[in-house]
N, C-alpha and C. Protein backbone atom coordinates (compact mmCIF):
# COMPACT_ATOMS: atom_id res chain seq x y z
N MET A 1 50.38 15.78 -92.65
CA MET A 1 51.37 14.83 -92.21
C MET A 1 50.80 14.04 -91.03
N TYR A 2 50.88 12.74 -91.12
CA TYR A 2 50.46 11.89 -90.02
C TYR A 2 51.57 11.83 -88.99
N PHE A 3 51.21 11.51 -87.75
CA PHE A 3 52.20 11.36 -86.69
C PHE A 3 53.23 10.30 -87.07
N THR A 4 52.78 9.22 -87.75
CA THR A 4 53.69 8.14 -88.11
C THR A 4 54.72 8.57 -89.14
N ASP A 5 54.47 9.65 -89.85
CA ASP A 5 55.44 10.12 -90.84
C ASP A 5 56.78 10.46 -90.20
N ARG A 6 56.77 10.86 -88.95
CA ARG A 6 58.04 11.18 -88.28
C ARG A 6 58.92 9.94 -88.19
N GLY A 7 58.32 8.83 -87.83
CA GLY A 7 59.08 7.59 -87.76
C GLY A 7 59.56 7.13 -89.12
N ILE A 8 58.72 7.31 -90.13
CA ILE A 8 59.10 6.95 -91.49
C ILE A 8 60.25 7.83 -91.96
N GLU A 9 60.16 9.11 -91.66
CA GLU A 9 61.24 10.03 -92.03
C GLU A 9 62.54 9.68 -91.32
N GLU A 10 62.45 9.30 -90.05
CA GLU A 10 63.66 8.90 -89.32
C GLU A 10 64.26 7.65 -89.94
N LEU A 11 63.42 6.69 -90.28
CA LEU A 11 63.89 5.47 -90.93
C LEU A 11 64.62 5.80 -92.23
N GLU A 12 64.02 6.66 -93.02
CA GLU A 12 64.64 7.03 -94.29
C GLU A 12 65.96 7.76 -94.08
N GLU A 13 66.01 8.66 -93.10
CA GLU A 13 67.24 9.40 -92.83
C GLU A 13 68.35 8.49 -92.32
N ARG A 14 68.01 7.58 -91.41
CA ARG A 14 69.03 6.72 -90.80
C ARG A 14 69.41 5.54 -91.66
N ARG A 15 68.45 4.97 -92.39
CA ARG A 15 68.69 3.72 -93.11
C ARG A 15 68.45 3.84 -94.61
N GLY A 16 68.20 5.03 -95.10
CA GLY A 16 67.83 5.23 -96.50
C GLY A 16 68.84 4.72 -97.51
N GLU A 17 70.09 4.71 -97.14
CA GLU A 17 71.14 4.24 -98.05
C GLU A 17 71.45 2.76 -97.87
N ASP A 18 70.90 2.14 -96.82
CA ASP A 18 71.17 0.73 -96.54
C ASP A 18 70.46 -0.17 -97.54
N GLU A 19 71.07 -1.30 -97.81
CA GLU A 19 70.43 -2.37 -98.57
C GLU A 19 70.24 -3.52 -97.60
N VAL A 20 68.99 -3.98 -97.47
CA VAL A 20 68.69 -5.06 -96.52
C VAL A 20 67.86 -6.12 -97.22
N ALA A 21 67.94 -7.32 -96.70
CA ALA A 21 67.12 -8.42 -97.19
C ALA A 21 65.75 -8.34 -96.54
N LEU A 22 64.75 -8.79 -97.25
CA LEU A 22 63.42 -8.81 -96.67
C LEU A 22 63.35 -9.75 -95.47
N ALA A 23 64.20 -10.76 -95.44
CA ALA A 23 64.26 -11.64 -94.26
C ALA A 23 64.67 -10.85 -93.02
N TRP A 24 65.59 -9.88 -93.18
CA TRP A 24 65.98 -9.02 -92.07
C TRP A 24 64.80 -8.18 -91.60
N VAL A 25 64.05 -7.61 -92.56
CA VAL A 25 62.89 -6.79 -92.21
C VAL A 25 61.86 -7.65 -91.47
N ALA A 26 61.60 -8.84 -91.97
CA ALA A 26 60.64 -9.74 -91.32
C ALA A 26 61.09 -10.07 -89.90
N ASP A 27 62.37 -10.30 -89.72
CA ASP A 27 62.90 -10.60 -88.38
C ASP A 27 62.71 -9.42 -87.45
N ARG A 28 62.98 -8.22 -87.94
CA ARG A 28 62.81 -7.02 -87.11
C ARG A 28 61.34 -6.79 -86.77
N MET A 29 60.45 -7.09 -87.73
CA MET A 29 59.01 -6.95 -87.47
C MET A 29 58.56 -7.95 -86.40
N ARG A 30 59.08 -9.17 -86.46
CA ARG A 30 58.75 -10.17 -85.43
C ARG A 30 59.25 -9.72 -84.06
N ALA A 31 60.46 -9.20 -84.01
CA ALA A 31 61.01 -8.72 -82.75
C ALA A 31 60.18 -7.57 -82.19
N PHE A 32 59.72 -6.69 -83.06
CA PHE A 32 58.88 -5.58 -82.62
C PHE A 32 57.58 -6.09 -82.02
N VAL A 33 56.94 -7.06 -82.69
CA VAL A 33 55.68 -7.61 -82.19
C VAL A 33 55.91 -8.34 -80.86
N ASP A 34 57.03 -9.03 -80.74
CA ASP A 34 57.35 -9.69 -79.47
C ASP A 34 57.41 -8.68 -78.33
N GLN A 35 57.97 -7.51 -78.60
CA GLN A 35 58.10 -6.47 -77.58
C GLN A 35 56.84 -5.64 -77.42
N ASN A 36 56.00 -5.61 -78.47
CA ASN A 36 54.81 -4.75 -78.48
C ASN A 36 53.62 -5.53 -79.05
N PRO A 37 53.12 -6.52 -78.32
CA PRO A 37 52.06 -7.38 -78.85
C PRO A 37 50.78 -6.63 -79.22
N ALA A 38 50.56 -5.47 -78.66
CA ALA A 38 49.36 -4.71 -79.00
C ALA A 38 49.36 -4.26 -80.45
N PHE A 39 50.53 -4.23 -81.08
CA PHE A 39 50.64 -3.79 -82.47
C PHE A 39 50.67 -4.95 -83.47
N GLU A 40 50.37 -6.15 -83.00
CA GLU A 40 50.42 -7.33 -83.87
C GLU A 40 49.55 -7.17 -85.12
N ASP A 41 48.32 -6.68 -84.95
CA ASP A 41 47.43 -6.52 -86.12
C ASP A 41 47.98 -5.51 -87.12
N ALA A 42 48.49 -4.40 -86.63
CA ALA A 42 49.03 -3.38 -87.54
C ALA A 42 50.24 -3.90 -88.29
N VAL A 43 51.12 -4.61 -87.61
CA VAL A 43 52.31 -5.16 -88.26
C VAL A 43 51.90 -6.21 -89.29
N GLU A 44 50.92 -7.04 -88.93
CA GLU A 44 50.42 -8.04 -89.87
C GLU A 44 49.85 -7.38 -91.13
N ARG A 45 49.10 -6.31 -90.96
CA ARG A 45 48.55 -5.59 -92.11
C ARG A 45 49.64 -4.97 -92.97
N LEU A 46 50.64 -4.40 -92.33
CA LEU A 46 51.76 -3.83 -93.09
C LEU A 46 52.50 -4.92 -93.86
N ALA A 47 52.77 -6.05 -93.22
CA ALA A 47 53.46 -7.14 -93.89
C ALA A 47 52.66 -7.63 -95.10
N THR A 48 51.36 -7.78 -94.93
CA THR A 48 50.50 -8.21 -96.04
C THR A 48 50.50 -7.18 -97.16
N PHE A 49 50.43 -5.91 -96.80
CA PHE A 49 50.47 -4.84 -97.79
C PHE A 49 51.76 -4.89 -98.60
N LEU A 50 52.88 -5.04 -97.89
CA LEU A 50 54.18 -5.09 -98.58
C LEU A 50 54.31 -6.35 -99.43
N ALA A 51 53.81 -7.47 -98.95
CA ALA A 51 53.90 -8.72 -99.68
C ALA A 51 53.10 -8.68 -100.98
N ARG A 52 52.00 -7.96 -100.97
CA ARG A 52 51.11 -7.94 -102.13
C ARG A 52 51.24 -6.67 -102.96
N ASP A 53 52.24 -5.87 -102.70
CA ASP A 53 52.40 -4.58 -103.35
C ASP A 53 52.44 -4.68 -104.88
N ASP A 54 53.01 -5.73 -105.42
CA ASP A 54 53.12 -5.85 -106.87
C ASP A 54 51.99 -6.67 -107.48
N ALA A 55 51.00 -7.04 -106.71
CA ALA A 55 49.91 -7.89 -107.20
C ALA A 55 49.12 -7.22 -108.33
N ASP A 56 49.00 -5.89 -108.30
CA ASP A 56 48.25 -5.19 -109.33
C ASP A 56 49.03 -4.99 -110.62
N ASP A 57 50.33 -5.26 -110.61
CA ASP A 57 51.17 -5.06 -111.78
C ASP A 57 51.00 -6.14 -112.83
N ASP A 58 50.35 -7.26 -112.47
CA ASP A 58 50.22 -8.39 -113.40
C ASP A 58 49.26 -8.13 -114.51
């Protein structure tokens, strides 16, 4: 288990039943980067990963 799994597990426990728009997720990611600019690269990589997740399904 990676250290980050704890945060992922908390997200799933707290928000697992929620339905959200990707625009909301993008907004929250921007707010996070605004507050934590050192994580800009990691957030950018995650966003790219999520955006291209279905690219191999074609």
